[in-house]
Structure formats: structure tokens, C-alpha cells
Amino acid sequence: MQHRHLTHHRFTLAAIDDVISRGRMEDWFELRQAVLDDPTTLEKVAKICAHYVSNPYAQRYHFWMNYVEARRPAA
């Protein structure tokens, strides 16, 4: 996905936010693969989603926060 204002293809916080808010299914598949490949990406996704989960209409962020919680190891 070509991100607004971003000239790279790394999953920075801004890129993750962009993928979640504007991405298509293919972009989500790519983000999911990045999470599977690098556990630090999972925490980046959680950090982004934490800002939006208080909004009940931010369904994309709720979806990804639920994904994060399902992927985290049980305590």
C-alpha cells in the first residue's frame, strides 16, 4: 500500500495506522504477515489501536485490537 506522506514500505506507527484506517484486505494480509514475522509489530498495532478503542464506531481498530489480544501469550 502506498501510504500518505510516507516514502517507505516499513511498518512504522504511521504506516500501521494508515493500513488499518485506509487499507484494503490485501494490505491487512500484509500487516498480518508482518505481525507473524516480527512480534514487535504486534505491539505497534496495539499501541495504535489503544488510541481508538474508546470510540465504538472505530470498528477497524476494534478488529485489530481483538486480533492483538488473541495473539498475545496468555499470562
PDB file of N, CA and C in Angstrom:
ATOM      1  N   MET A   1       0.849  -1.179   0.000  1.00  0.00           N
ATOM      2  CA  MET A   1       0.000   0.000   0.000  1.00  0.00           C
ATOM      3  C   MET A   1       0.884   1.227   0.000  1.00  0.00           C
ATOM      4  N   GLN A   2       0.555   2.183  -0.814  1.00  0.00           N
ATOM      5  CA  GLN A   2       1.270   3.460  -0.825  1.00  0.00           C
ATOM      6  C   GLN A   2       0.639   4.341   0.244  1.00  0.00           C
ATOM      7  N   HIS A   3       1.399   4.667   1.257  1.00  0.00           N
ATOM      8  CA  HIS A   3       0.870   5.427   2.382  1.00  0.00           C
ATOM      9  C   HIS A   3       0.943   6.920   2.112  1.00  0.00           C
ATOM     10  N   ARG A   4      -0.018   7.614   2.665  1.00  0.00           N
ATOM     11  CA  ARG A   4       0.004   9.064   2.571  1.00  0.00           C
ATOM     12  C   ARG A   4       1.234   9.588   3.299  1.00  0.00           C
ATOM     13  N   HIS A   5       1.956  10.471   2.675  1.00  0.00           N
ATOM     14  CA  HIS A   5       3.080  11.176   3.280  1.00  0.00           C
ATOM     15  C   HIS A   5       4.243  10.270   3.662  1.00  0.00           C
ATOM     16  N   LEU A   6       4.213   9.005   3.287  1.00  0.00           N
ATOM     17  CA  LEU A   6       5.286   8.089   3.644  1.00  0.00           C
ATOM     18  C   LEU A   6       5.982   7.617   2.376  1.00  0.00           C
ATOM     19  N   THR A   7       7.287   7.595   2.410  1.00  0.00           N
ATOM     20  CA  THR A   7       8.044   7.223   1.218  1.00  0.00           C
ATOM     21  C   THR A   7       8.788   5.906   1.414  1.00  0.00           C
ATOM     22  N   HIS A   8       8.355   5.082   2.328  1.00  0.00           N
ATOM     23  CA  HIS A   8       8.994   3.801   2.589  1.00  0.00           C
ATOM     24  C   HIS A   8       7.923   2.733   2.722  1.00  0.00           C
ATOM     25  N   HIS A   9       8.341   1.511   2.881  1.00  0.00           N
ATOM     26  CA  HIS A   9       7.392   0.410   2.995  1.00  0.00           C
ATOM     27  C   HIS A   9       7.556  -0.343   4.317  1.00  0.00           C
ATOM     28  N   ARG A  10       8.119   0.310   5.319  1.00  0.00           N
ATOM     29  CA  ARG A  10       8.246  -0.299   6.647  1.00  0.00           C
ATOM     30  C   ARG A  10       6.954  -0.076   7.432  1.00  0.00           C
ATOM     31  N   PHE A  11       6.736  -0.931   8.407  1.00  0.00           N
ATOM     32  CA  PHE A  11       5.550  -0.791   9.245  1.00  0.00           C
ATOM     33  C   PHE A  11       5.873   0.058  10.468  1.00  0.00           C
ATOM     34  N   THR A  12       5.969   1.350  10.237  1.00  0.00           N
ATOM     35  CA  THR A  12       6.117   2.300  11.334  1.00  0.00           C
ATOM     36  C   THR A  12       4.731   2.506  11.946  1.00  0.00           C
ATOM     37  N   LEU A  13       4.669   3.249  13.036  1.00  0.00           N
ATOM     38  CA  LEU A  13       3.366   3.521  13.657  1.00  0.00           C
ATOM     39  C   LEU A  13       2.432   4.234  12.682  1.00  0.00           C
ATOM     40  N   ALA A  14       2.970   5.206  11.950  1.00  0.00           N
ATOM     41  CA  ALA A  14       2.151   5.941  10.983  1.00  0.00           C
ATOM     42  C   ALA A  14       1.662   5.023   9.864  1.00  0.00           C
ATOM     43  N   ALA A  15       2.512   4.137   9.406  1.00  0.00           N
ATOM     44  CA  ALA A  15       2.129   3.219   8.335  1.00  0.00           C
ATOM     45  C   ALA A  15       1.065   2.236   8.820  1.00  0.00           C
ATOM     46  N   ILE A  16       1.214   1.733  10.035  1.00  0.00           N
ATOM     47  CA  ILE A  16       0.220   0.807  10.591  1.00  0.00           C
ATOM     48  C   ILE A  16      -1.132   1.502  10.735  1.00  0.00           C
ATOM     49  N   ASP A  17      -1.126   2.713  11.233  1.00  0.00           N
ATOM     50  CA  ASP A  17      -2.366   3.485  11.368  1.00  0.00           C
ATOM     51  C   ASP A  17      -3.018   3.667  10.002  1.00  0.00           C
ATOM     52  N   ASP A  18      -2.223   3.966   9.006  1.00  0.00           N
ATOM     53  CA  ASP A  18      -2.733   4.163   7.655  1.00  0.00           C
ATOM     54  C   ASP A  18      -3.320   2.875   7.086  1.00  0.00           C
ATOM     55  N   VAL A  19      -2.637   1.772   7.277  1.00  0.00           N
ATOM     56  CA  VAL A  19      -3.133   0.483   6.784  1.00  0.00           C
ATOM     57  C   VAL A  19      -4.460   0.133   7.449  1.00  0.00           C
ATOM     58  N   ILE A  20      -4.542   0.319   8.760  1.00  0.00           N
ATOM     59  CA  ILE A  20      -5.780  -0.020   9.462  1.00  0.00           C
ATOM     60  C   ILE A  20      -6.920   0.899   9.019  1.00  0.00           C
ATOM     61  N   SER A  21      -6.658   2.184   8.920  1.00  0.00           N
ATOM     62  CA  SER A  21      -7.751   3.119   8.628  1.00  0.00           C
ATOM     63  C   SER A  21      -8.144   3.151   7.148  1.00  0.00           C
ATOM     64  N   ARG A  22      -7.182   2.977   6.238  1.00  0.00           N
ATOM     65  CA  ARG A  22      -7.492   3.135   4.819  1.00  0.00           C
ATOM     66  C   ARG A  22      -7.213   1.908   3.973  1.00  0.00           C
ATOM     67  N   GLY A  23      -6.602   0.893   4.584  1.00  0.00           N
ATOM     68  CA  GLY A  23      -6.148  -0.253   3.816  1.00  0.00           C
ATOM     69  C   GLY A  23      -7.271  -1.141   3.308  1.00  0.00           C
ATOM     70  N   ARG A  24      -6.929  -1.875   2.263  1.00  0.00           N
ATOM     71  CA  ARG A  24      -7.829  -2.889   1.713  1.00  0.00           C
ATOM     72  C   ARG A  24      -7.436  -4.242   2.304  1.00  0.00           C
ATOM     73  N   MET A  25      -8.167  -5.269   1.955  1.00  0.00           N
ATOM     74  CA  MET A  25      -7.926  -6.600   2.505  1.00  0.00           C
ATOM     75  C   MET A  25      -6.492  -7.056   2.235  1.00  0.00           C
ATOM     76  N   GLU A  26      -5.978  -6.791   1.039  1.00  0.00           N
ATOM     77  CA  GLU A  26      -4.606  -7.197   0.709  1.00  0.00           C
ATOM     78  C   GLU A  26      -3.595  -6.526   1.644  1.00  0.00           C
ATOM     79  N   ASP A  27      -3.861  -5.281   1.983  1.00  0.00           N
ATOM     80  CA  ASP A  27      -2.984  -4.538   2.887  1.00  0.00           C
ATOM     81  C   ASP A  27      -3.047  -5.130   4.295  1.00  0.00           C
ATOM     82  N   TRP A  28      -4.233  -5.552   4.687  1.00  0.00           N
ATOM     83  CA  TRP A  28      -4.393  -6.182   6.005  1.00  0.00           C
ATOM     84  C   TRP A  28      -3.661  -7.525   6.048  1.00  0.00           C
ATOM     85  N   PHE A  29      -3.701  -8.266   4.940  1.00  0.00           N
ATOM     86  CA  PHE A  29      -2.964  -9.527   4.877  1.00  0.00           C
ATOM     87  C   PHE A  29      -1.467  -9.272   5.055  1.00  0.00           C
ATOM     88  N   GLU A  30      -0.990  -8.217   4.433  1.00  0.00           N
ATOM     89  CA  GLU A  30       0.424  -7.863   4.546  1.00  0.00           C
ATOM     90  C   GLU A  30       0.782  -7.474   5.988  1.00  0.00           C
ATOM     91  N   LEU A  31      -0.084  -6.707   6.638  1.00  0.00           N
ATOM     92  CA  LEU A  31       0.149  -6.337   8.028  1.00  0.00           C
ATOM     93  C   LEU A  31       0.110  -7.571   8.920  1.00  0.00           C
ATOM     94  N   ARG A  32      -0.829  -8.464   8.679  1.00  0.00           N
ATOM     95  CA  ARG A  32      -0.908  -9.697   9.463  1.00  0.00           C
ATOM     96  C   ARG A  32       0.373 -10.499   9.321  1.00  0.00           C
ATOM     97  N   GLN A  33       0.891 -10.603   8.113  1.00  0.00           N
ATOM     98  CA  GLN A  33       2.130 -11.344   7.899  1.00  0.00           C
ATOM     99  C   GLN A  33       3.291 -10.680   8.629  1.00  0.00           C
ATOM    100  N   ALA A  34       3.315  -9.362   8.638  1.00  0.00           N
ATOM    101  CA  ALA A  34       4.362  -8.635   9.364  1.00  0.00           C
ATOM    102  C   ALA A  34       4.276  -8.922  10.856  1.00  0.00           C
ATOM    103  N   VAL A  35       3.059  -9.017  11.386  1.00  0.00           N
ATOM    104  CA  VAL A  35       2.863  -9.339  12.807  1.00  0.00           C
ATOM    105  C   VAL A  35       3.364 -10.754  13.093  1.00  0.00           C
ATOM    106  N   LEU A  36       3.078 -11.678  12.193  1.00  0.00           N
ATOM    107  CA  LEU A  36       3.532 -13.057  12.383  1.00  0.00           C
ATOM    108  C   LEU A  36       5.052 -13.172  12.289  1.00  0.00           C
ATOM    109  N   ASP A  37       5.661 -12.366  11.425  1.00  0.00           N
ATOM    110  CA  ASP A  37       7.107 -12.409  11.215  1.00  0.00           C
ATOM    111  C   ASP A  37       7.896 -11.709  12.317  1.00  0.00           C
ATOM    112  N   ASP A  38       7.305 -10.656  12.899  1.00  0.00           N
ATOM    113  CA  ASP A  38       8.031  -9.839  13.877  1.00  0.00           C
ATOM    114  C   ASP A  38       7.097  -9.459  15.026  1.00  0.00           C
ATOM    115  N   PRO A  39       7.283 -10.060  16.198  1.00  0.00           N
ATOM    116  CA  PRO A  39       6.395  -9.781  17.330  1.00  0.00           C
ATOM    117  C   PRO A  39       6.367  -8.314  17.764  1.00  0.00           C
ATOM    118  N   THR A  40       7.396  -7.539  17.463  1.00  0.00           N
ATOM    119  CA  THR A  40       7.364  -6.121  17.843  1.00  0.00           C
ATOM    120  C   THR A  40       6.295  -5.370  17.063  1.00  0.00           C
ATOM    121  N   THR A  41       5.956  -5.867  15.892  1.00  0.00           N
ATOM    122  CA  THR A  41       4.890  -5.238  15.100  1.00  0.00           C
ATOM    123  C   THR A  41       3.547  -5.396  15.798  1.00  0.00           C
ATOM    124  N   LEU A  42       3.349  -6.508  16.488  1.00  0.00           N
ATOM    125  CA  LEU A  42       2.112  -6.721  17.238  1.00  0.00           C
ATOM    126  C   LEU A  42       1.925  -5.633  18.288  1.00  0.00           C
ATOM    127  N   GLU A  43       2.991  -5.285  18.979  1.00  0.00           N
ATOM    128  CA  GLU A  43       2.903  -4.237  19.997  1.00  0.00           C
ATOM    129  C   GLU A  43       2.682  -2.860  19.371  1.00  0.00           C
ATOM    130  N   LYS A  44       3.209  -2.647  18.191  1.00  0.00           N
ATOM    131  CA  LYS A  44       2.943  -1.385  17.487  1.00  0.00           C
ATOM    132  C   LYS A  44       1.465  -1.277  17.130  1.00  0.00           C
ATOM    133  N   VAL A  45       0.895  -2.377  16.656  1.00  0.00           N
ATOM    134  CA  VAL A  45      -0.535  -2.391  16.325  1.00  0.00           C
ATOM    135  C   VAL A  45      -1.359  -2.093  17.581  1.00  0.00           C
ATOM    136  N   ALA A  46      -0.992  -2.707  18.701  1.00  0.00           N
ATOM    137  CA  ALA A  46      -1.705  -2.467  19.961  1.00  0.00           C
ATOM    138  C   ALA A  46      -1.613  -1.003  20.371  1.00  0.00           C
ATOM    139  N   LYS A  47      -0.448  -0.421  20.206  1.00  0.00           N
ATOM    140  CA  LYS A  47      -0.247   0.984  20.581  1.00  0.00           C
ATOM    141  C   LYS A  47      -1.138   1.903  19.745  1.00  0.00           C
ATOM    142  N   ILE A  48      -1.227   1.645  18.466  1.00  0.00           N
ATOM    143  CA  ILE A  48      -2.088   2.448  17.588  1.00  0.00           C
ATOM    144  C   ILE A  48      -3.554   2.255  17.967  1.00  0.00           C
ATOM    145  N   CYS A  49      -3.977   1.013  18.114  1.00  0.00           N
ATOM    146  CA  CYS A  49      -5.390   0.725  18.384  1.00  0.00           C
ATOM    147  C   CYS A  49      -5.848   1.268  19.728  1.00  0.00           C
ATOM    148  N   ALA A  50      -4.964   1.331  20.690  1.00  0.00           N
ATOM    149  CA  ALA A  50      -5.326   1.814  22.023  1.00  0.00           C
ATOM    150  C   ALA A  50      -5.886   3.234  21.983  1.00  0.00           C
ATOM    151  N   HIS A  51      -5.478   4.002  20.995  1.00  0.00           N
ATOM    152  CA  HIS A  51      -5.959   5.387  20.878  1.00  0.00           C
ATOM    153  C   HIS A  51      -7.391   5.470  20.352  1.00  0.00           C
ATOM    154  N   TYR A  52      -7.869   4.403  19.736  1.00  0.00           N
ATOM    155  CA  TYR A  52      -9.162   4.452  19.064  1.00  0.00           C
ATOM    156  C   TYR A  52     -10.241   3.590  19.703  1.00  0.00           C
ATOM    157  N   VAL A  53      -9.886   2.668  20.579  1.00  0.00           N
ATOM    158  CA  VAL A  53     -10.894   1.710  21.061  1.00  0.00           C
ATOM    159  C   VAL A  53     -11.961   2.330  21.952  1.00  0.00           C
ATOM    160  N   SER A  54     -11.745   3.545  22.413  1.00  0.00           N
ATOM    161  CA  SER A  54     -12.807   4.206  23.180  1.00  0.00           C
ATOM    162  C   SER A  54     -13.951   4.674  22.280  1.00  0.00           C
ATOM    163  N   ASN A  55     -13.703   4.701  20.982  1.00  0.00           N
ATOM    164  CA  ASN A  55     -14.724   5.083  20.010  1.00  0.00           C
ATOM    165  C   ASN A  55     -15.426   3.819  19.516  1.00  0.00           C
ATOM    166  N   PRO A  56     -16.694   3.627  19.857  1.00  0.00           N
ATOM    167  CA  PRO A  56     -17.371   2.395  19.454  1.00  0.00           C
ATOM    168  C   PRO A  56     -17.553   2.264  17.934  1.00  0.00           C
ATOM    169  N   TYR A  57     -17.377   3.346  17.203  1.00  0.00           N
ATOM    170  CA  TYR A  57     -17.545   3.312  15.751  1.00  0.00           C
ATOM    171  C   TYR A  57     -16.238   3.046  15.007  1.00  0.00           C
ATOM    172  N   ALA A  58     -15.141   2.952  15.713  1.00  0.00           N
ATOM    173  CA  ALA A  58     -13.835   2.685  15.090  1.00  0.00           C
ATOM    174  C   ALA A  58     -13.669   1.172  14.964  1.00  0.00           C
ATOM    175  N   GLN A  59     -14.497   0.571  14.153  1.00  0.00           N
ATOM    176  CA  GLN A  59     -14.569  -0.882  14.091  1.00  0.00           C
ATOM    177  C   GLN A  59     -13.291  -1.532  13.569  1.00  0.00           C
ATOM    178  N   ARG A  60     -12.604  -0.876  12.661  1.00  0.00           N
ATOM    179  CA  ARG A  60     -11.351  -1.435  12.157  1.00  0.00           C
ATOM    180  C   ARG A  60     -10.332  -1.573  13.282  1.00  0.00           C
ATOM    181  N   TYR A  61     -10.273  -0.575  14.142  1.00  0.00           N
ATOM    182  CA  TYR A  61      -9.325  -0.604  15.253  1.00  0.00           C
ATOM    183  C   TYR A  61      -9.748  -1.632  16.301  1.00  0.00           C
ATOM    184  N   HIS A  62     -11.037  -1.790  16.504  1.00  0.00           N
ATOM    185  CA  HIS A  62     -11.526  -2.816  17.421  1.00  0.00           C
ATOM    186  C   HIS A  62     -11.155  -4.206  16.890  1.00  0.00           C
ATOM    187  N   PHE A  63     -11.312  -4.407  15.593  1.00  0.00           N
ATOM    188  CA  PHE A  63     -10.946  -5.684  14.989  1.00  0.00           C
ATOM    189  C   PHE A  63      -9.478  -5.996  15.258  1.00  0.00           C
ATOM    190  N   TRP A  64      -8.604  -5.030  14.983  1.00  0.00           N
ATOM    191  CA  TRP A  64      -7.170  -5.260  15.157  1.00  0.00           C
ATOM    192  C   TRP A  64      -6.788  -5.391  16.623  1.00  0.00           C
ATOM    193  N   MET A  65      -7.446  -4.689  17.525  1.00  0.00           N
ATOM    194  CA  MET A  65      -7.144  -4.847  18.946  1.00  0.00           C
ATOM    195  C   MET A  65      -7.549  -6.245  19.406  1.00  0.00           C
ATOM    196  N   ASN A  66      -8.680  -6.740  18.922  1.00  0.00           N
ATOM    197  CA  ASN A  66      -9.077  -8.113  19.242  1.00  0.00           C
ATOM    198  C   ASN A  66      -8.071  -9.113  18.691  1.00  0.00           C
ATOM    199  N   TYR A  67      -7.550  -8.843  17.509  1.00  0.00           N
ATOM    200  CA  TYR A  67      -6.520  -9.711  16.932  1.00  0.00           C
ATOM    201  C   TYR A  67      -5.271  -9.710  17.810  1.00  0.00           C
ATOM    202  N   VAL A  68      -4.860  -8.534  18.248  1.00  0.00           N
ATOM    203  CA  VAL A  68      -3.686  -8.407  19.126  1.00  0.00           C
ATOM    204  C   VAL A  68      -3.904  -9.214  20.401  1.00  0.00           C
ATOM    205  N   GLU A  69      -5.062  -9.055  21.015  1.00  0.00           N
ATOM    206  CA  GLU A  69      -5.330  -9.746  22.272  1.00  0.00           C
ATOM    207  C   GLU A  69      -5.366 -11.268  22.079  1.00  0.00           C
ATOM    208  N   ALA A  70      -5.830 -11.712  20.936  1.00  0.00           N
ATOM    209  CA  ALA A  70      -5.848 -13.153  20.653  1.00  0.00           C
ATOM    210  C   ALA A  70      -4.435 -13.700  20.397  1.00  0.00           C
ATOM    211  N   ARG A  71      -3.550 -12.871  19.872  1.00  0.00           N
ATOM    212  CA  ARG A  71      -2.182 -13.295  19.544  1.00  0.00           C
ATOM    213  C   ARG A  71      -1.241 -13.226  20.733  1.00  0.00           C
ATOM    214  N   ARG A  72      -1.559 -12.400  21.708  1.00  0.00           N
ATOM    215  CA  ARG A  72      -0.670 -12.261  22.877  1.00  0.00           C
ATOM    216  C   ARG A  72      -0.681 -13.554  23.675  1.00  0.00           C
ATOM    217  N   PRO A  73       0.483 -13.925  24.200  1.00  0.00           N
ATOM    218  CA  PRO A  73       0.538 -15.129  25.032  1.00  0.00           C
ATOM    219  C   PRO A  73      -0.289 -14.957  26.303  1.00  0.00           C
ATOM    220  N   ALA A  74      -0.894 -16.024  26.767  1.00  0.00           N
ATOM    221  CA  ALA A  74      -1.694 -15.977  27.991  1.00  0.00           C
ATOM    222  C   ALA A  74      -0.781 -15.734  29.180  1.00  0.00           C
ATOM    223  N   ALA A  75      -1.253 -14.898  30.078  1.00  0.00           N
ATOM    224  CA  ALA A  75      -0.430 -14.551  31.261  1.00  0.00           C
ATOM    225  C   ALA A  75      -0.623 -15.525  32.389  1.00  0.00           C
TER     226      ALA A  75
END
